[in-house]
Amino acid sequence: MLEVVDLGTLESVGMLVVGHCEGTQSLALQPALVDLDGFSSLASVKWLFLEGNEALLSAGLLDSLIENGEAESLQLVAIRRNPVLPESYVLQKLELLGIQGTVCGNAEGDPECFCLIGE
C-alpha cells in the first residue's frame, strides 16, 4: 500500500496516473496516499489523472508544475472522485496553470461525476 511518493528528481513524464475511476465507481488503488508532494522537480506532464484516491488531501505536484514553469505541457487533466481532496483547491491550481480539466466528485465539489470506460 503506497503511503508516500518521493520522485523528487523526476522532471518530465508523458502520463501520470494515480488511482482509477470507471463509470460511477472509484477503485482506490492507493487508499493510504494523503499527498503528492514528492514531485518537487516535476516540470512537464502531458496527461494527468488523479482519480479514486480515498485519502488524498492535496496534490502538491500541481504546485511543482506551477513553480517549475512548463505548465503548457499539460494537455489533458482529470481529477475525479477523490472524496477528501478539496475541489476548490484543485480548480485554483488548474487556473494558475491556465488549463481546464475534468474536475468532479471531490470534496465540496460537484457530486455528479462519471468516468468513461477506457478513458
N, C-alpha and C. Protein backbone atom coordinates (compact mmCIF):
# COMPACT_ATOMS: atom_id res chain seq x y z
N MET A 1 0.84 -1.17 0.00
CA MET A 1 0.00 0.00 0.00
C MET A 1 0.89 1.24 0.00
N LEU A 2 0.76 2.04 -1.01
CA LEU A 2 1.56 3.24 -1.19
C LEU A 2 1.10 4.33 -0.23
N GLU A 3 2.03 4.86 0.57
CA GLU A 3 1.72 5.94 1.51
C GLU A 3 2.42 7.23 1.13
N VAL A 4 3.59 7.13 0.50
CA VAL A 4 4.40 8.29 0.16
C VAL A 4 4.98 8.11 -1.24
N VAL A 5 4.97 9.19 -2.00
CA VAL A 5 5.64 9.20 -3.30
C VAL A 5 6.82 10.15 -3.17
N ASP A 6 8.01 9.66 -3.50
CA ASP A 6 9.18 10.51 -3.46
C ASP A 6 9.94 10.36 -4.77
N LEU A 7 9.52 11.15 -5.75
CA LEU A 7 10.15 11.16 -7.06
C LEU A 7 10.69 12.56 -7.32
N GLY A 8 11.43 13.07 -6.36
CA GLY A 8 11.92 14.44 -6.38
C GLY A 8 12.84 14.77 -7.55
N THR A 9 13.38 13.77 -8.23
CA THR A 9 14.26 14.05 -9.36
C THR A 9 13.54 13.93 -10.71
N LEU A 10 12.30 13.46 -10.69
CA LEU A 10 11.52 13.32 -11.92
C LEU A 10 11.16 14.70 -12.47
N GLU A 11 11.55 14.98 -13.71
CA GLU A 11 11.29 16.29 -14.31
C GLU A 11 10.20 16.25 -15.37
N SER A 12 10.05 15.14 -16.05
CA SER A 12 9.09 15.07 -17.15
C SER A 12 8.52 13.67 -17.26
N VAL A 13 7.21 13.62 -17.57
CA VAL A 13 6.56 12.33 -17.76
C VAL A 13 5.41 12.54 -18.75
N GLY A 14 5.18 11.57 -19.61
CA GLY A 14 4.10 11.68 -20.58
C GLY A 14 2.73 11.55 -19.94
N MET A 15 2.55 10.50 -19.12
CA MET A 15 1.27 10.28 -18.47
C MET A 15 1.51 9.89 -17.01
N LEU A 16 0.78 10.54 -16.12
CA LEU A 16 0.87 10.24 -14.70
C LEU A 16 -0.52 9.88 -14.22
N VAL A 17 -0.69 8.65 -13.73
CA VAL A 17 -1.99 8.15 -13.27
C VAL A 17 -1.84 7.70 -11.83
N VAL A 18 -2.68 8.25 -10.96
CA VAL A 18 -2.72 7.82 -9.56
C VAL A 18 -4.17 7.50 -9.24
N GLY A 19 -4.49 6.23 -9.05
CA GLY A 19 -5.84 5.78 -8.77
C GLY A 19 -6.54 5.32 -10.02
N HIS A 20 -7.86 5.11 -9.88
CA HIS A 20 -8.63 4.61 -11.01
C HIS A 20 -10.10 4.98 -10.84
N CYS A 21 -10.74 5.32 -11.93
CA CYS A 21 -12.16 5.67 -11.93
C CYS A 21 -12.78 5.08 -13.19
N GLU A 22 -13.89 4.35 -13.01
CA GLU A 22 -14.55 3.74 -14.16
C GLU A 22 -16.05 3.80 -13.95
N GLY A 23 -16.77 4.38 -14.88
CA GLY A 23 -18.22 4.52 -14.74
C GLY A 23 -18.54 5.44 -13.57
N THR A 24 -19.32 4.96 -12.64
CA THR A 24 -19.64 5.73 -11.44
C THR A 24 -18.90 5.19 -10.23
N GLN A 25 -17.95 4.30 -10.46
CA GLN A 25 -17.20 3.66 -9.37
C GLN A 25 -15.76 4.16 -9.34
N SER A 26 -15.24 4.22 -8.13
CA SER A 26 -13.82 4.53 -7.94
C SER A 26 -13.17 3.33 -7.30
N LEU A 27 -12.00 2.99 -7.75
CA LEU A 27 -11.25 1.92 -7.15
C LEU A 27 -9.99 2.52 -6.55
N ALA A 28 -9.96 2.62 -5.24
CA ALA A 28 -8.83 3.26 -4.58
C ALA A 28 -7.64 2.32 -4.62
N LEU A 29 -6.77 2.54 -5.54
CA LEU A 29 -5.58 1.71 -5.65
C LEU A 29 -4.54 2.11 -4.61
N GLN A 30 -4.65 3.33 -4.10
CA GLN A 30 -3.72 3.84 -3.09
C GLN A 30 -4.52 4.45 -1.93
N PRO A 31 -5.21 3.63 -1.12
CA PRO A 31 -6.09 4.16 -0.07
C PRO A 31 -5.37 4.85 1.08
N ALA A 32 -4.05 4.77 1.17
CA ALA A 32 -3.32 5.41 2.25
C ALA A 32 -2.53 6.64 1.79
N LEU A 33 -2.60 6.96 0.53
CA LEU A 33 -1.84 8.09 -0.02
C LEU A 33 -2.56 9.40 0.29
N VAL A 34 -1.93 10.28 1.09
CA VAL A 34 -2.59 11.52 1.50
C VAL A 34 -2.13 12.75 0.74
N ASP A 35 -0.95 12.71 0.14
CA ASP A 35 -0.50 13.87 -0.63
C ASP A 35 0.40 13.43 -1.77
N LEU A 36 0.63 14.36 -2.67
CA LEU A 36 1.51 14.12 -3.81
C LEU A 36 2.58 15.20 -3.82
N ASP A 37 3.25 15.35 -2.69
CA ASP A 37 4.29 16.37 -2.54
C ASP A 37 5.66 15.90 -2.99
N GLY A 38 5.81 14.63 -3.33
CA GLY A 38 7.12 14.09 -3.67
C GLY A 38 7.52 14.27 -5.12
N PHE A 39 7.06 15.34 -5.75
CA PHE A 39 7.37 15.63 -7.15
C PHE A 39 8.01 17.01 -7.29
N SER A 40 8.96 17.33 -6.45
CA SER A 40 9.49 18.69 -6.37
C SER A 40 10.15 19.20 -7.65
N SER A 41 10.64 18.32 -8.51
CA SER A 41 11.32 18.75 -9.74
C SER A 41 10.42 18.64 -10.97
N LEU A 42 9.21 18.18 -10.80
CA LEU A 42 8.33 17.95 -11.94
C LEU A 42 8.02 19.25 -12.66
N ALA A 43 8.30 19.27 -13.96
CA ALA A 43 8.09 20.47 -14.78
C ALA A 43 7.16 20.20 -15.95
N SER A 44 7.01 18.94 -16.35
CA SER A 44 6.26 18.64 -17.56
C SER A 44 5.48 17.34 -17.42
N VAL A 45 4.17 17.43 -17.64
CA VAL A 45 3.28 16.27 -17.70
C VAL A 45 2.32 16.52 -18.85
N LYS A 46 2.18 15.55 -19.71
CA LYS A 46 1.26 15.69 -20.84
C LYS A 46 -0.18 15.34 -20.43
N TRP A 47 -0.36 14.18 -19.79
CA TRP A 47 -1.67 13.73 -19.33
C TRP A 47 -1.59 13.41 -17.84
N LEU A 48 -2.53 13.96 -17.06
CA LEU A 48 -2.55 13.77 -15.61
C LEU A 48 -3.91 13.27 -15.16
N PHE A 49 -3.92 12.14 -14.46
CA PHE A 49 -5.15 11.55 -13.93
C PHE A 49 -4.97 11.27 -12.44
N LEU A 50 -5.76 11.93 -11.61
CA LEU A 50 -5.79 11.67 -10.16
C LEU A 50 -7.22 11.28 -9.85
N GLU A 51 -7.46 9.99 -9.62
CA GLU A 51 -8.83 9.51 -9.55
C GLU A 51 -9.01 8.42 -8.50
N GLY A 52 -10.08 8.55 -7.73
CA GLY A 52 -10.47 7.50 -6.81
C GLY A 52 -9.50 7.26 -5.68
N ASN A 53 -8.90 8.30 -5.17
CA ASN A 53 -7.95 8.18 -4.06
C ASN A 53 -8.64 8.63 -2.77
N GLU A 54 -9.00 7.66 -1.94
CA GLU A 54 -9.83 7.90 -0.77
C GLU A 54 -9.22 8.85 0.26
N ALA A 55 -7.90 8.87 0.39
CA ALA A 55 -7.26 9.65 1.45
C ALA A 55 -6.53 10.89 0.95
N LEU A 56 -6.52 11.12 -0.35
CA LEU A 56 -5.75 12.22 -0.92
C LEU A 56 -6.28 13.58 -0.47
N LEU A 57 -5.46 14.32 0.26
CA LEU A 57 -5.82 15.64 0.80
C LEU A 57 -5.27 16.79 -0.03
N SER A 58 -4.14 16.57 -0.70
CA SER A 58 -3.53 17.63 -1.50
C SER A 58 -2.79 17.03 -2.69
N ALA A 59 -2.62 17.85 -3.69
CA ALA A 59 -1.92 17.42 -4.90
C ALA A 59 -0.76 18.37 -5.14
N GLY A 60 0.27 18.24 -4.32
CA GLY A 60 1.42 19.12 -4.40
C GLY A 60 2.12 19.09 -5.74
N LEU A 61 1.90 18.06 -6.53
CA LEU A 61 2.54 18.04 -7.85
C LEU A 61 2.02 19.17 -8.72
N LEU A 62 0.80 19.65 -8.47
CA LEU A 62 0.31 20.82 -9.21
C LEU A 62 1.14 22.05 -8.84
N ASP A 63 1.50 22.18 -7.58
CA ASP A 63 2.38 23.29 -7.16
C ASP A 63 3.74 23.19 -7.84
N SER A 64 4.25 21.98 -7.95
CA SER A 64 5.54 21.78 -8.62
C SER A 64 5.47 22.21 -10.07
N LEU A 65 4.37 21.87 -10.76
CA LEU A 65 4.21 22.28 -12.15
C LEU A 65 4.12 23.80 -12.27
N ILE A 66 3.44 24.43 -11.33
CA ILE A 66 3.35 25.90 -11.32
C ILE A 66 4.72 26.52 -11.10
N GLU A 67 5.46 26.02 -10.14
CA GLU A 67 6.76 26.58 -9.77
C GLU A 67 7.84 26.30 -10.81
N ASN A 68 7.78 25.17 -11.47
CA ASN A 68 8.85 24.77 -12.37
C ASN A 68 8.63 25.21 -13.82
N GLY A 69 7.51 25.85 -14.08
CA GLY A 69 7.35 26.64 -15.29
C GLY A 69 7.05 26.02 -16.63
N GLU A 70 6.65 24.76 -16.71
CA GLU A 70 6.30 24.20 -18.01
C GLU A 70 4.84 23.77 -18.02
N ALA A 71 3.98 24.62 -17.48
CA ALA A 71 2.56 24.30 -17.38
C ALA A 71 1.92 24.04 -18.73
N GLU A 72 2.46 24.65 -19.78
CA GLU A 72 1.89 24.46 -21.12
C GLU A 72 2.01 23.02 -21.60
N SER A 73 2.78 22.20 -20.92
CA SER A 73 2.90 20.80 -21.31
C SER A 73 1.62 20.03 -21.04
N LEU A 74 0.81 20.47 -20.09
CA LEU A 74 -0.43 19.78 -19.75
C LEU A 74 -1.44 19.88 -20.89
N GLN A 75 -1.89 18.73 -21.36
CA GLN A 75 -2.89 18.70 -22.43
C GLN A 75 -4.20 18.11 -21.96
N LEU A 76 -4.15 17.18 -21.00
CA LEU A 76 -5.34 16.51 -20.52
C LEU A 76 -5.22 16.29 -19.02
N VAL A 77 -6.22 16.77 -18.27
CA VAL A 77 -6.22 16.62 -16.82
C VAL A 77 -7.59 16.11 -16.38
N ALA A 78 -7.59 15.08 -15.54
CA ALA A 78 -8.81 14.58 -14.92
C ALA A 78 -8.52 14.34 -13.44
N ILE A 79 -9.21 15.08 -12.59
CA ILE A 79 -9.06 14.93 -11.14
C ILE A 79 -10.47 14.67 -10.62
N ARG A 80 -10.75 13.38 -10.39
CA ARG A 80 -12.12 12.95 -10.12
C ARG A 80 -12.17 11.96 -8.96
N ARG A 81 -13.28 12.07 -8.20
CA ARG A 81 -13.65 11.11 -7.18
C ARG A 81 -12.59 10.89 -6.11
N ASN A 82 -12.00 11.98 -5.65
CA ASN A 82 -11.08 11.98 -4.52
C ASN A 82 -11.85 12.66 -3.37
N PRO A 83 -12.54 11.90 -2.54
CA PRO A 83 -13.56 12.45 -1.65
C PRO A 83 -13.08 13.41 -0.56
N VAL A 84 -11.80 13.47 -0.25
CA VAL A 84 -11.32 14.43 0.75
C VAL A 84 -10.42 15.51 0.16
N LEU A 85 -10.19 15.46 -1.14
CA LEU A 85 -9.41 16.49 -1.82
C LEU A 85 -10.33 17.66 -2.16
N PRO A 86 -10.09 18.85 -1.59
CA PRO A 86 -10.97 19.99 -1.85
C PRO A 86 -10.99 20.39 -3.34
N GLU A 87 -12.19 20.38 -3.91
CA GLU A 87 -12.32 20.70 -5.32
C GLU A 87 -11.92 22.15 -5.60
N SER A 88 -12.19 23.06 -4.67
CA SER A 88 -11.80 24.46 -4.86
C SER A 88 -10.28 24.59 -4.96
N TYR A 89 -9.55 23.80 -4.19
CA TYR A 89 -8.08 23.78 -4.24
C TYR A 89 -7.61 23.36 -5.63
N VAL A 90 -8.21 22.30 -6.15
CA VAL A 90 -7.83 21.78 -7.47
C VAL A 90 -8.12 22.82 -8.55
N LEU A 91 -9.30 23.40 -8.51
CA LEU A 91 -9.67 24.39 -9.53
C LEU A 91 -8.77 25.61 -9.48
N GLN A 92 -8.38 26.03 -8.28
CA GLN A 92 -7.47 27.17 -8.14
C GLN A 92 -6.12 26.86 -8.78
N LYS A 93 -5.59 25.68 -8.53
CA LYS A 93 -4.29 25.29 -9.09
C LYS A 93 -4.36 25.18 -10.61
N LEU A 94 -5.44 24.61 -11.12
CA LEU A 94 -5.57 24.49 -12.58
C LEU A 94 -5.70 25.85 -13.24
N GLU A 95 -6.37 26.78 -12.55
CA GLU A 95 -6.47 28.14 -13.08
C GLU A 95 -5.10 28.79 -13.16
N LEU A 96 -4.28 28.60 -12.14
CA LEU A 96 -2.92 29.14 -12.16
C LEU A 96 -2.08 28.51 -13.28
N LEU A 97 -2.39 27.26 -13.60
CA LEU A 97 -1.69 26.58 -14.69
C LEU A 97 -2.25 26.96 -16.05
N GLY A 98 -3.41 27.63 -16.05
CA GLY A 98 -4.01 28.05 -17.31
C GLY A 98 -4.65 26.92 -18.08
N ILE A 99 -5.17 25.93 -17.37
CA ILE A 99 -5.78 24.78 -18.05
C ILE A 99 -7.10 24.43 -17.38
N GLN A 100 -8.03 24.00 -18.21
CA GLN A 100 -9.27 23.46 -17.70
C GLN A 100 -9.18 21.95 -17.80
N GLY A 101 -9.66 21.29 -16.79
CA GLY A 101 -9.65 19.84 -16.81
C GLY A 101 -11.00 19.32 -16.40
N THR A 102 -11.13 18.02 -16.34
CA THR A 102 -12.33 17.39 -15.82
C THR A 102 -12.14 17.24 -14.33
N VAL A 103 -12.91 18.01 -13.57
CA VAL A 103 -12.79 18.01 -12.11
C VAL A 103 -14.19 17.81 -11.54
N CYS A 104 -14.38 16.70 -10.81
CA CYS A 104 -15.69 16.43 -10.22
C CYS A 104 -15.56 15.33 -9.17
N GLY A 105 -16.56 15.25 -8.31
CA GLY A 105 -16.60 14.19 -7.31
C GLY A 105 -15.59 14.32 -6.20
N ASN A 106 -14.99 15.49 -6.07
CA ASN A 106 -14.03 15.73 -5.00
C ASN A 106 -14.75 16.42 -3.84
N ALA A 107 -14.06 16.65 -2.73
CA ALA A 107 -14.68 17.24 -1.54
C ALA A 107 -15.30 18.59 -1.86
N GLU A 108 -16.54 18.77 -1.42
CA GLU A 108 -17.27 20.02 -1.56
C GLU A 108 -17.42 20.46 -3.02
N GLY A 109 -17.34 19.52 -3.93
CA GLY A 109 -17.48 19.85 -5.34
C GLY A 109 -18.69 19.18 -5.95
N ASP A 110 -18.74 19.18 -7.25
CA ASP A 110 -19.84 18.60 -7.99
C ASP A 110 -19.88 17.09 -7.74
N PRO A 111 -20.94 16.60 -7.09
CA PRO A 111 -21.01 15.16 -6.80
C PRO A 111 -21.28 14.32 -8.04
N GLU A 112 -21.84 14.94 -9.08
CA GLU A 112 -22.11 14.22 -10.32
C GLU A 112 -20.80 14.02 -11.05
N CYS A 113 -20.40 12.77 -11.16
CA CYS A 113 -19.10 12.51 -11.75
C CYS A 113 -19.13 11.14 -12.42
N PHE A 114 -18.83 11.12 -13.69
CA PHE A 114 -18.84 9.89 -14.45
C PHE A 114 -17.52 9.75 -15.19
N CYS A 115 -16.94 8.59 -15.09
CA CYS A 115 -15.67 8.31 -15.76
C CYS A 115 -15.92 7.34 -16.90
N LEU A 116 -15.53 7.73 -18.08
CA LEU A 116 -15.73 6.86 -19.24
C LEU A 116 -14.80 5.66 -19.19
N ILE A 117 -15.34 4.52 -19.50
CA ILE A 117 -14.55 3.30 -19.53
C ILE A 117 -13.55 3.41 -20.67
N GLY A 118 -12.30 3.16 -20.34
CA GLY A 118 -11.25 3.23 -21.35
C GLY A 118 -10.70 4.62 -21.56
N GLU A 119 -11.19 5.59 -20.79
CA GLU A 119 -10.71 6.97 -20.93
C GLU A 119 -9.35 7.11 -20.31
